[in-house]
PDB file of N, CA and C in Angstrom:
ATOM      1  N   MET A   1     -78.974  57.470 163.397  1.00  0.00           N
ATOM      2  CA  MET A   1     -79.550  57.551 164.720  1.00  0.00           C
ATOM      3  C   MET A   1     -81.074  57.740 164.645  1.00  0.00           C
ATOM      4  N   SER A   2     -81.540  58.567 163.696  1.00  0.00           N
ATOM      5  CA  SER A   2     -82.980  58.824 163.612  1.00  0.00           C
ATOM      6  C   SER A   2     -83.771  57.587 163.214  1.00  0.00           C
ATOM      7  N   LEU A   3     -83.106  56.632 162.581  1.00  0.00           N
ATOM      8  CA  LEU A   3     -83.786  55.408 162.179  1.00  0.00           C
ATOM      9  C   LEU A   3     -84.186  54.568 163.393  1.00  0.00           C
ATOM     10  N   LYS A   4     -83.604  54.854 164.558  1.00  0.00           N
ATOM     11  CA  LYS A   4     -83.933  54.137 165.791  1.00  0.00           C
ATOM     12  C   LYS A   4     -85.039  54.831 166.586  1.00  0.00           C
ATOM     13  N   SER A   5     -85.597  55.904 166.048  1.00  0.00           N
ATOM     14  CA  SER A   5     -86.624  56.671 166.750  1.00  0.00           C
ATOM     15  C   SER A   5     -87.869  55.836 167.020  1.00  0.00           C
ATOM     16  N   ARG A   6     -88.417  56.010 168.199  1.00  0.00           N
ATOM     17  CA  ARG A   6     -89.661  55.329 168.572  1.00  0.00           C
ATOM     18  C   ARG A   6     -90.836  56.305 168.597  1.00  0.00           C
ATOM     19  N   LYS A   7     -90.544  57.599 168.793  1.00  0.00           N
ATOM     20  CA  LYS A   7     -91.606  58.611 168.852  1.00  0.00           C
ATOM     21  C   LYS A   7     -91.047  59.939 168.336  1.00  0.00           C
ATOM     22  N   ARG A   8     -91.156  60.119 167.025  1.00  0.00           N
ATOM     23  CA  ARG A   8     -90.599  61.304 166.372  1.00  0.00           C
ATOM     24  C   ARG A   8     -91.185  62.589 166.971  1.00  0.00           C
ATOM     25  N   VAL A   9     -90.333  63.571 167.181  1.00  0.00           N
ATOM     26  CA  VAL A   9     -90.753  64.889 167.648  1.00  0.00           C
ATOM     27  C   VAL A   9     -91.242  65.671 166.439  1.00  0.00           C
ATOM     28  N   ASP A  10     -92.407  66.291 166.538  1.00  0.00           N
ATOM     29  CA  ASP A  10     -92.904  67.127 165.453  1.00  0.00           C
ATOM     30  C   ASP A  10     -92.583  68.576 165.751  1.00  0.00           C
ATOM     31  N   PHE A  11     -92.109  69.277 164.732  1.00  0.00           N
ATOM     32  CA  PHE A  11     -91.796  70.693 164.866  1.00  0.00           C
ATOM     33  C   PHE A  11     -92.961  71.507 164.332  1.00  0.00           C
ATOM     34  N   ASN A  12     -93.236  72.627 164.995  1.00  0.00           N
ATOM     35  CA  ASN A  12     -94.385  73.448 164.642  1.00  0.00           C
ATOM     36  C   ASN A  12     -94.045  74.595 163.704  1.00  0.00           C
ATOM     37  N   THR A  13     -92.816  74.679 163.251  1.00  0.00           N
ATOM     38  CA  THR A  13     -92.408  75.789 162.412  1.00  0.00           C
ATOM     39  C   THR A  13     -91.508  75.323 161.285  1.00  0.00           C
ATOM     40  N   GLY A  14     -91.481  76.102 160.214  1.00  0.00           N
ATOM     41  CA  GLY A  14     -90.558  75.843 159.121  1.00  0.00           C
ATOM     42  C   GLY A  14     -89.349  76.755 159.190  1.00  0.00           C
ATOM     43  N   CYS A  15     -89.360  77.674 160.148  1.00  0.00           N
ATOM     44  CA  CYS A  15     -88.268  78.635 160.316  1.00  0.00           C
ATOM     45  C   CYS A  15     -87.131  77.992 161.099  1.00  0.00           C
ATOM     46  N   ALA A  16     -85.914  78.080 160.572  1.00  0.00           N
ATOM     47  CA  ALA A  16     -84.756  77.446 161.210  1.00  0.00           C
ATOM     48  C   ALA A  16     -84.490  78.006 162.598  1.00  0.00           C
ATOM     49  N   VAL A  17     -84.665  79.319 162.766  1.00  0.00           N
ATOM     50  CA  VAL A  17     -84.395  79.934 164.066  1.00  0.00           C
ATOM     51  C   VAL A  17     -85.390  79.433 165.115  1.00  0.00           C
ATOM     52  N   PHE A  18     -86.673  79.412 164.767  1.00  0.00           N
ATOM     53  CA  PHE A  18     -87.680  78.932 165.711  1.00  0.00           C
ATOM     54  C   PHE A  18     -87.546  77.429 165.947  1.00  0.00           C
ATOM     55  N   ALA A  19     -87.165  76.689 164.901  1.00  0.00           N
ATOM     56  CA  ALA A  19     -86.969  75.241 165.050  1.00  0.00           C
ATOM     57  C   ALA A  19     -85.821  74.965 166.015  1.00  0.00           C
ATOM     58  N   GLU A  20     -84.779  75.782 165.941  1.00  0.00           N
ATOM     59  CA  GLU A  20     -83.657  75.610 166.871  1.00  0.00           C
ATOM     60  C   GLU A  20     -84.121  75.831 168.303  1.00  0.00           C
ATOM     61  N   SER A  21     -84.939  76.842 168.508  1.00  0.00           N
ATOM     62  CA  SER A  21     -85.474  77.100 169.847  1.00  0.00           C
ATOM     63  C   SER A  21     -86.334  75.932 170.322  1.00  0.00           C
ATOM     64  N   GLU A  22     -87.149  75.396 169.425  1.00  0.00           N
ATOM     65  CA  GLU A  22     -87.971  74.232 169.772  1.00  0.00           C
ATOM     66  C   GLU A  22     -87.089  73.047 170.147  1.00  0.00           C
ATOM     67  N   ALA A  23     -86.031  72.821 169.371  1.00  0.00           N
ATOM     68  CA  ALA A  23     -85.131  71.694 169.629  1.00  0.00           C
ATOM     69  C   ALA A  23     -84.468  71.838 170.991  1.00  0.00           C
ATOM     70  N   VAL A  24     -84.009  73.037 171.311  1.00  0.00           N
ATOM     71  CA  VAL A  24     -83.373  73.271 172.610  1.00  0.00           C
ATOM     72  C   VAL A  24     -84.367  72.993 173.730  1.00  0.00           C
ATOM     73  N   GLY A  25     -85.609  73.448 173.536  1.00  0.00           N
ATOM     74  CA  GLY A  25     -86.645  73.184 174.536  1.00  0.00           C
ATOM     75  C   GLY A  25     -86.916  71.702 174.714  1.00  0.00           C
ATOM     76  N   ARG A  26     -86.931  70.974 173.607  1.00  0.00           N
ATOM     77  CA  ARG A  26     -87.185  69.529 173.671  1.00  0.00           C
ATOM     78  C   ARG A  26     -86.031  68.799 174.355  1.00  0.00           C
ATOM     79  N   ILE A  27     -84.809  69.272 174.120  1.00  0.00           N
ATOM     80  CA  ILE A  27     -83.653  68.668 174.794  1.00  0.00           C
ATOM     81  C   ILE A  27     -83.787  68.864 176.299  1.00  0.00           C
ATOM     82  N   ALA A  28     -84.210  70.061 176.704  1.00  0.00           N
ATOM     83  CA  ALA A  28     -84.399  70.358 178.127  1.00  0.00           C
ATOM     84  C   ALA A  28     -85.490  69.479 178.733  1.00  0.00           C
ATOM     85  N   GLU A  29     -86.470  69.094 177.916  1.00  0.00           N
ATOM     86  CA  GLU A  29     -87.546  68.210 178.387  1.00  0.00           C
ATOM     87  C   GLU A  29     -87.085  66.763 178.506  1.00  0.00           C
ATOM     88  N   GLY A  30     -85.904  66.460 177.961  1.00  0.00           N
ATOM     89  CA  GLY A  30     -85.372  65.104 178.046  1.00  0.00           C
ATOM     90  C   GLY A  30     -85.775  64.187 176.907  1.00  0.00           C
ATOM     91  N   VAL A  31     -86.199  64.766 175.787  1.00  0.00           N
ATOM     92  CA  VAL A  31     -86.583  63.960 174.627  1.00  0.00           C
ATOM     93  C   VAL A  31     -85.362  63.186 174.122  1.00  0.00           C
ATOM     94  N   ALA A  32     -85.581  61.964 173.709  1.00  0.00           N
ATOM     95  CA  ALA A  32     -84.492  61.116 173.200  1.00  0.00           C
ATOM     96  C   ALA A  32     -83.872  61.734 171.945  1.00  0.00           C
ATOM     97  N   LYS A  33     -82.561  61.638 171.836  1.00  0.00           N
ATOM     98  CA  LYS A  33     -81.841  62.193 170.684  1.00  0.00           C
ATOM     99  C   LYS A  33     -82.377  61.631 169.373  1.00  0.00           C
ATOM    100  N   GLU A  34     -82.691  60.343 169.367  1.00  0.00           N
ATOM    101  CA  GLU A  34     -83.192  59.689 168.162  1.00  0.00           C
ATOM    102  C   GLU A  34     -84.505  60.309 167.714  1.00  0.00           C
ATOM    103  N   ASP A  35     -85.382  60.592 168.679  1.00  0.00           N
ATOM    104  CA  ASP A  35     -86.689  61.161 168.357  1.00  0.00           C
ATOM    105  C   ASP A  35     -86.559  62.601 167.887  1.00  0.00           C
ATOM    106  N   LEU A  36     -85.646  63.336 168.497  1.00  0.00           N
ATOM    107  CA  LEU A  36     -85.405  64.722 168.100  1.00  0.00           C
ATOM    108  C   LEU A  36     -84.833  64.759 166.674  1.00  0.00           C
ATOM    109  N   LEU A  37     -83.865  63.925 166.403  1.00  0.00           N
ATOM    110  CA  LEU A  37     -83.261  63.896 165.079  1.00  0.00           C
ATOM    111  C   LEU A  37     -84.258  63.452 164.011  1.00  0.00           C
ATOM    112  N   ALA A  38     -85.105  62.498 164.343  1.00  0.00           N
ATOM    113  CA  ALA A  38     -86.142  62.066 163.398  1.00  0.00           C
ATOM    114  C   ALA A  38     -87.074  63.229 163.070  1.00  0.00           C
ATOM    115  N   GLY A  39     -87.390  64.043 164.067  1.00  0.00           N
ATOM    116  CA  GLY A  39     -88.231  65.215 163.835  1.00  0.00           C
ATOM    117  C   GLY A  39     -87.541  66.250 162.969  1.00  0.00           C
ATOM    118  N   ILE A  40     -86.257  66.446 163.196  1.00  0.00           N
ATOM    119  CA  ILE A  40     -85.486  67.386 162.380  1.00  0.00           C
ATOM    120  C   ILE A  40     -85.441  66.896 160.933  1.00  0.00           C
ATOM    121  N   HIS A  41     -85.209  65.605 160.750  1.00  0.00           N
ATOM    122  CA  HIS A  41     -85.201  65.043 159.393  1.00  0.00           C
ATOM    123  C   HIS A  41     -86.554  65.252 158.723  1.00  0.00           C
ATOM    124  N   ARG A  42     -87.612  65.019 159.456  1.00  0.00           N
ATOM    125  CA  ARG A  42     -88.962  65.170 158.891  1.00  0.00           C
ATOM    126  C   ARG A  42     -89.214  66.629 158.497  1.00  0.00           C
ATOM    127  N   ALA A  43     -88.810  67.569 159.351  1.00  0.00           N
ATOM    128  CA  ALA A  43     -89.002  68.988 159.060  1.00  0.00           C
ATOM    129  C   ALA A  43     -88.199  69.412 157.832  1.00  0.00           C
ATOM    130  N   LEU A  44     -86.945  68.953 157.738  1.00  0.00           N
ATOM    131  CA  LEU A  44     -86.125  69.268 156.570  1.00  0.00           C
ATOM    132  C   LEU A  44     -86.713  68.655 155.301  1.00  0.00           C
ATOM    133  N   ALA A  45     -87.167  67.428 155.407  1.00  0.00           N
ATOM    134  CA  ALA A  45     -87.757  66.753 154.254  1.00  0.00           C
ATOM    135  C   ALA A  45     -89.020  67.474 153.795  1.00  0.00           C
ATOM    136  N   ALA A  46     -89.801  67.980 154.724  1.00  0.00           N
ATOM    137  CA  ALA A  46     -91.010  68.716 154.365  1.00  0.00           C
ATOM    138  C   ALA A  46     -90.657  69.991 153.599  1.00  0.00           C
ATOM    139  N   GLN A  47     -89.598  70.669 154.036  1.00  0.00           N
ATOM    140  CA  GLN A  47     -89.155  71.878 153.327  1.00  0.00           C
ATOM    141  C   GLN A  47     -88.644  71.527 151.924  1.00  0.00           C
ATOM    142  N   LEU A  48     -87.842  70.476 151.829  1.00  0.00           N
ATOM    143  CA  LEU A  48     -87.337  70.046 150.522  1.00  0.00           C
ATOM    144  C   LEU A  48     -88.480  69.644 149.593  1.00  0.00           C
ATOM    145  N   HIS A  49     -89.453  68.956 150.142  1.00  0.00           N
ATOM    146  CA  HIS A  49     -90.605  68.521 149.346  1.00  0.00           C
ATOM    147  C   HIS A  49     -91.381  69.717 148.828  1.00  0.00           C
ATOM    148  N   SER A  50     -91.567  70.702 149.669  1.00  0.00           N
ATOM    149  CA  SER A  50     -92.270  71.916 149.260  1.00  0.00           C
ATOM    150  C   SER A  50     -91.546  72.604 148.105  1.00  0.00           C
ATOM    151  N   LEU A  51     -90.231  72.716 148.210  1.00  0.00           N
ATOM    152  CA  LEU A  51     -89.447  73.319 147.135  1.00  0.00           C
ATOM    153  C   LEU A  51     -89.527  72.488 145.858  1.00  0.00           C
ATOM    154  N   ALA A  52     -89.434  71.182 145.998  1.00  0.00           N
ATOM    155  CA  ALA A  52     -89.468  70.294 144.835  1.00  0.00           C
ATOM    156  C   ALA A  52     -90.829  70.339 144.139  1.00  0.00           C
ATOM    157  N   GLU A  53     -91.894  70.473 144.896  1.00  0.00           N
ATOM    158  CA  GLU A  53     -93.228  70.555 144.298  1.00  0.00           C
ATOM    159  C   GLU A  53     -93.372  71.798 143.433  1.00  0.00           C
ATOM    160  N   ARG A  54     -92.689  72.868 143.806  1.00  0.00           N
ATOM    161  CA  ARG A  54     -92.768  74.108 143.020  1.00  0.00           C
ATOM    162  C   ARG A  54     -92.211  73.927 141.614  1.00  0.00           C
ATOM    163  N   VAL A  55     -91.191  73.093 141.472  1.00  0.00           N
ATOM    164  CA  VAL A  55     -90.603  72.867 140.150  1.00  0.00           C
ATOM    165  C   VAL A  55     -91.163  71.614 139.497  1.00  0.00           C
ATOM    166  N   GLY A  56     -91.857  70.813 140.251  1.00  0.00           N
ATOM    167  CA  GLY A  56     -92.465  69.594 139.722  1.00  0.00           C
ATOM    168  C   GLY A  56     -91.643  68.362 140.044  1.00  0.00           C
ATOM    169  N   ILE A  57     -92.262  67.431 140.734  1.00  0.00           N
ATOM    170  CA  ILE A  57     -91.597  66.179 141.083  1.00  0.00           C
ATOM    171  C   ILE A  57     -92.036  65.118 140.090  1.00  0.00           C
ATOM    172  N   GLU A  58     -91.078  64.414 139.544  1.00  0.00           N
ATOM    173  CA  GLU A  58     -91.373  63.298 138.657  1.00  0.00           C
ATOM    174  C   GLU A  58     -91.078  62.006 139.393  1.00  0.00           C
ATOM    175  N   ARG A  59     -91.601  60.936 138.882  1.00  0.00           N
ATOM    176  CA  ARG A  59     -91.521  59.645 139.570  1.00  0.00           C
ATOM    177  C   ARG A  59     -90.101  59.278 139.997  1.00  0.00           C
ATOM    178  N   ASP A  60     -89.148  59.343 139.117  1.00  0.00           N
ATOM    179  CA  ASP A  60     -87.766  59.028 139.470  1.00  0.00           C
ATOM    180  C   ASP A  60     -87.011  60.338 139.662  1.00  0.00           C
ATOM    181  N   PHE A  61     -86.648  60.634 140.891  1.00  0.00           N
ATOM    182  CA  PHE A  61     -85.857  61.834 141.106  1.00  0.00           C
ATOM    183  C   PHE A  61     -84.744  61.544 142.094  1.00  0.00           C
ATOM    184  N   ALA A  62     -83.721  62.368 142.011  1.00  0.00           N
ATOM    185  CA  ALA A  62     -82.524  62.159 142.822  1.00  0.00           C
ATOM    186  C   ALA A  62     -82.374  63.281 143.830  1.00  0.00           C
ATOM    187  N   LEU A  63     -81.773  62.961 144.927  1.00  0.00           N
ATOM    188  CA  LEU A  63     -81.399  63.950 145.922  1.00  0.00           C
ATOM    189  C   LEU A  63     -79.880  63.984 145.909  1.00  0.00           C
ATOM    190  N   VAL A  64     -79.327  65.189 145.736  1.00  0.00           N
ATOM    191  CA  VAL A  64     -77.873  65.340 145.662  1.00  0.00           C
ATOM    192  C   VAL A  64     -77.419  66.351 146.698  1.00  0.00           C
ATOM    193  N   GLY A  65     -76.117  66.472 146.849  1.00  0.00           N
ATOM    194  CA  GLY A  65     -75.555  67.379 147.838  1.00  0.00           C
ATOM    195  C   GLY A  65     -75.231  66.615 149.110  1.00  0.00           C
ATOM    196  N   GLY A  66     -74.678  67.332 150.062  1.00  0.00           N
ATOM    197  CA  GLY A  66     -74.264  66.708 151.315  1.00  0.00           C
ATOM    198  C   GLY A  66     -75.399  66.053 152.077  1.00  0.00           C
ATOM    199  N   GLY A  67     -76.581  66.644 152.018  1.00  0.00           N
ATOM    200  CA  GLY A  67     -77.732  66.079 152.729  1.00  0.00           C
ATOM    201  C   GLY A  67     -78.108  64.692 152.256  1.00  0.00           C
ATOM    202  N   ALA A  68     -77.805  64.409 151.002  1.00  0.00           N
ATOM    203  CA  ALA A  68     -78.138  63.099 150.441  1.00  0.00           C
ATOM    204  C   ALA A  68     -77.284  61.987 151.039  1.00  0.00           C
ATOM    205  N   ARG A  69     -76.251  62.351 151.788  1.00  0.00           N
ATOM    206  CA  ARG A  69     -75.426  61.346 152.467  1.00  0.00           C
ATOM    207  C   ARG A  69     -76.049  60.920 153.793  1.00  0.00           C
ATOM    208  N   ASP A  70     -77.133  61.574 154.182  1.00  0.00           N
ATOM    209  CA  ASP A  70     -77.799  61.314 155.459  1.00  0.00           C
ATOM    210  C   ASP A  70     -78.982  60.372 155.235  1.00  0.00           C
ATOM    211  N   VAL A  71     -78.832  59.113 155.612  1.00  0.00           N
ATOM    212  CA  VAL A  71     -79.874  58.114 155.355  1.00  0.00           C
ATOM    213  C   VAL A  71     -81.188  58.444 156.052  1.00  0.00           C
ATOM    214  N   GLY A  72     -81.112  59.117 157.193  1.00  0.00           N
ATOM    215  CA  GLY A  72     -82.340  59.517 157.889  1.00  0.00           C
ATOM    216  C   GLY A  72     -83.127  60.540 157.104  1.00  0.00           C
ATOM    217  N   LEU A  73     -82.449  61.471 156.469  1.00  0.00           N
ATOM    218  CA  LEU A  73     -83.109  62.478 155.638  1.00  0.00           C
ATOM    219  C   LEU A  73     -83.711  61.824 154.398  1.00  0.00           C
ATOM    220  N   ILE A  74     -82.992  60.904 153.800  1.00  0.00           N
ATOM    221  CA  ILE A  74     -83.512  60.189 152.622  1.00  0.00           C
ATOM    222  C   ILE A  74     -84.777  59.426 152.993  1.00  0.00           C
ATOM    223  N   LYS A  75     -84.755  58.744 154.132  1.00  0.00           N
ATOM    224  CA  LYS A  75     -85.935  57.980 154.565  1.00  0.00           C
ATOM    225  C   LYS A  75     -87.116  58.912 154.798  1.00  0.00           C
ATOM    226  N   ALA A  76     -86.876  60.055 155.417  1.00  0.00           N
ATOM    227  CA  ALA A  76     -87.952  61.016 155.658  1.00  0.00           C
ATOM    228  C   ALA A  76     -88.526  61.535 154.337  1.00  0.00           C
ATOM    229  N   MET A  77     -87.664  61.792 153.358  1.00  0.00           N
ATOM    230  CA  MET A  77     -88.137  62.238 152.037  1.00  0.00           C
ATOM    231  C   MET A  77     -88.969  61.161 151.367  1.00  0.00           C
ATOM    232  N   GLU A  78     -88.534  59.912 151.495  1.00  0.00           N
ATOM    233  CA  GLU A  78     -89.290  58.811 150.894  1.00  0.00           C
ATOM    234  C   GLU A  78     -90.662  58.681 151.536  1.00  0.00           C
ATOM    235  N   GLU A  79     -90.734  58.892 152.844  1.00  0.00           N
ATOM    236  CA  GLU A  79     -92.020  58.815 153.536  1.00  0.00           C
ATOM    237  C   GLU A  79     -92.958  59.935 153.084  1.00  0.00           C
ATOM    238  N   ILE A  80     -92.438  61.137 152.942  1.00  0.00           N
ATOM    239  CA  ILE A  80     -93.266  62.278 152.554  1.00  0.00           C
ATOM    240  C   ILE A  80     -93.728  62.173 151.103  1.00  0.00           C
ATOM    241  N   THR A  81     -92.822  61.774 150.213  1.00  0.00           N
ATOM    242  CA  THR A  81     -93.161  61.724 148.789  1.00  0.00           C
ATOM    243  C   THR A  81     -93.817  60.415 148.377  1.00  0.00           C
ATOM    244  N   ASN A  82     -93.666  59.403 149.190  1.00  0.00           N
ATOM    245  CA  ASN A  82     -94.135  58.062 148.862  1.00  0.00           C
ATOM    246  C   ASN A  82     -93.469  57.553 147.574  1.00  0.00           C
ATOM    247  N   LEU A  83     -92.217  57.965 147.387  1.00  0.00           N
ATOM    248  CA  LEU A  83     -91.421  57.553 146.233  1.00  0.00           C
ATOM    249  C   LEU A  83     -90.057  57.095 146.708  1.00  0.00           C
ATOM    250  N   ASP A  84     -89.397  56.279 145.877  1.00  0.00           N
ATOM    251  CA  ASP A  84     -88.013  55.915 146.150  1.00  0.00           C
ATOM    252  C   ASP A  84     -87.125  57.056 145.673  1.00  0.00           C
ATOM    253  N   ILE A  85     -86.180  57.451 146.503  1.00  0.00           N
ATOM    254  CA  ILE A  85     -85.272  58.539 146.167  1.00  0.00           C
ATOM    255  C   ILE A  85     -83.988  57.933 145.613  1.00  0.00           C
ATOM    256  N   LEU A  86     -83.576  58.404 144.459  1.00  0.00           N
ATOM    257  CA  LEU A  86     -82.312  57.966 143.866  1.00  0.00           C
ATOM    258  C   LEU A  86     -81.191  58.811 144.461  1.00  0.00           C
ATOM    259  N   VAL A  87     -80.130  58.164 144.876  1.00  0.00           N
ATOM    260  CA  VAL A  87     -78.984  58.869 145.445  1.00  0.00           C
ATOM    261  C   VAL A  87     -77.730  58.387 144.719  1.00  0.00           C
ATOM    262  N   PRO A  88     -77.012  59.309 144.043  1.00  0.00           N
ATOM    263  CA  PRO A  88     -75.776  58.900 143.368  1.00  0.00           C
ATOM    264  C   PRO A  88     -74.737  58.416 144.376  1.00  0.00           C
ATOM    265  N   ALA A  89     -73.756  57.707 143.886  1.00  0.00           N
ATOM    266  CA  ALA A  89     -72.716  57.146 144.759  1.00  0.00           C
ATOM    267  C   ALA A  89     -71.989  58.221 145.559  1.00  0.00           C
ATOM    268  N   GLU A  90     -71.727  59.361 144.976  1.00  0.00           N
ATOM    269  CA  GLU A  90     -71.040  60.469 145.644  1.00  0.00           C
ATOM    270  C   GLU A  90     -71.908  61.726 145.535  1.00  0.00           C
ATOM    271  N   PRO A  91     -73.036  61.772 146.236  1.00  0.00           N
ATOM    272  CA  PRO A  91     -73.988  62.872 146.029  1.00  0.00           C
ATOM    273  C   PRO A  91     -73.438  64.255 146.352  1.00  0.00           C
ATOM    274  N   HIS A  92     -72.459  64.329 147.220  1.00  0.00           N
ATOM    275  CA  HIS A  92     -71.892  65.618 147.605  1.00  0.00           C
ATOM    276  C   HIS A  92     -71.005  66.201 146.505  1.00  0.00           C
ATOM    277  N   LEU A  93     -70.642  65.394 145.514  1.00  0.00           N
ATOM    278  CA  LEU A  93     -69.803  65.869 144.414  1.00  0.00           C
ATOM    279  C   LEU A  93     -70.589  66.209 143.153  1.00  0.00           C
ATOM    280  N   THR A  94     -71.880  65.921 143.139  1.00  0.00           N
ATOM    281  CA  THR A  94     -72.682  66.061 141.930  1.00  0.00           C
ATOM    282  C   THR A  94     -72.678  67.477 141.380  1.00  0.00           C
ATOM    283  N   ALA A  95     -72.903  68.478 142.221  1.00  0.00           N
ATOM    284  CA  ALA A  95     -72.938  69.864 141.749  1.00  0.00           C
ATOM    285  C   ALA A  95     -71.574  70.289 141.223  1.00  0.00           C
ATOM    286  N   ALA A  96     -70.518  69.888 141.897  1.00  0.00           N
ATOM    287  CA  ALA A  96     -69.167  70.236 141.444  1.00  0.00           C
ATOM    288  C   ALA A  96     -68.870  69.590 140.100  1.00  0.00           C
ATOM    289  N   LEU A  97     -69.293  68.346 139.929  1.00  0.00           N
ATOM    290  CA  LEU A  97     -69.072  67.662 138.657  1.00  0.00           C
ATOM    291  C   LEU A  97     -69.844  68.368 137.549  1.00  0.00           C
ATOM    292  N   GLY A  98     -71.075  68.728 137.808  1.00  0.00           N
ATOM    293  CA  GLY A  98     -71.879  69.453 136.819  1.00  0.00           C
ATOM    294  C   GLY A  98     -71.246  70.778 136.442  1.00  0.00           C
ATOM    295  N   ALA A  99     -70.735  71.511 137.428  1.00  0.00           N
ATOM    296  CA  ALA A  99     -70.076  72.793 137.161  1.00  0.00           C
ATOM    297  C   ALA A  99     -68.826  72.591 136.306  1.00  0.00           C
ATOM    298  N   ALA A 100     -68.084  71.523 136.581  1.00  0.00           N
ATOM    299  CA  ALA A 100     -66.868  71.242 135.804  1.00  0.00           C
ATOM    300  C   ALA A 100     -67.221  70.919 134.352  1.00  0.00           C
ATOM    301  N   ILE A 101     -68.284  70.160 134.145  1.00  0.00           N
ATOM    302  CA  ILE A 101     -68.710  69.813 132.781  1.00  0.00           C
ATOM    303  C   ILE A 101     -69.141  71.071 132.031  1.00  0.00           C
ATOM    304  N   ILE A 102     -69.904  71.927 132.676  1.00  0.00           N
ATOM    305  CA  ILE A 102     -70.336  73.182 132.047  1.00  0.00           C
ATOM    306  C   ILE A 102     -69.137  74.059 131.726  1.00  0.00           C
ATOM    307  N   ALA A 103     -68.196  74.170 132.659  1.00  0.00           N
ATOM    308  CA  ALA A 103     -66.994  74.991 132.430  1.00  0.00           C
ATOM    309  C   ALA A 103     -66.208  74.463 131.233  1.00  0.00           C
ATOM    310  N   GLU A 104     -66.101  73.146 131.112  1.00  0.00           N
ATOM    311  CA  GLU A 104     -65.379  72.574 129.978  1.00  0.00           C
ATOM    312  C   GLU A 104     -66.094  72.897 128.665  1.00  0.00           C
ATOM    313  N   GLU A 105     -67.412  72.790 128.665  1.00  0.00           N
ATOM    314  CA  GLU A 105     -68.185  73.108 127.458  1.00  0.00           C
ATOM    315  C   GLU A 105     -68.025  74.563 127.065  1.00  0.00           C
ATOM    316  N   ILE A 106     -68.049  75.448 128.037  1.00  0.00           N
ATOM    317  CA  ILE A 106     -67.899  76.881 127.771  1.00  0.00           C
ATOM    318  C   ILE A 106     -66.506  77.184 127.230  1.00  0.00           C
ATOM    319  N   SER A 107     -65.501  76.539 127.780  1.00  0.00           N
ATOM    320  CA  SER A 107     -64.114  76.803 127.344  1.00  0.00           C
ATOM    321  C   SER A 107     -63.867  76.321 125.921  1.00  0.00           C
ATOM    322  N   LYS A 108     -64.642  75.356 125.435  1.00  0.00           N
ATOM    323  CA  LYS A 108     -64.486  74.862 124.071  1.00  0.00           C
ATOM    324  C   LYS A 108     -65.269  75.683 123.059  1.00  0.00           C
ATOM    325  N   ALA A 109     -66.173  76.510 123.544  1.00  0.00           N
ATOM    326  CA  ALA A 109     -67.034  77.302 122.631  1.00  0.00           C
ATOM    327  C   ALA A 109     -66.339  78.507 122.077  1.00  0.00           C
TER     328      ALA A 109
END
């Protein structure tokens, strides 16, 4: 839906509670759902980018977890980082698969 946005809503806070209040206010103003969602994606992507910068972003990086199934969030991340984001086929299973591999290695030790 956010990919159809014509005028993304910008959020003034990184705090989820205040962002929710802003979103409710924007809904009351009659802002289009597409524009509101595009703004939410942009705000989330900005937070993810900030976290990723702390550990260091390399040219080829992947986004995993449930959020990686959201094409609007991926597009927002690509816009912020100016990089292509790699997304595994089943990104929501990546952490579970990694945990299973580690558990198997530990059980063999």
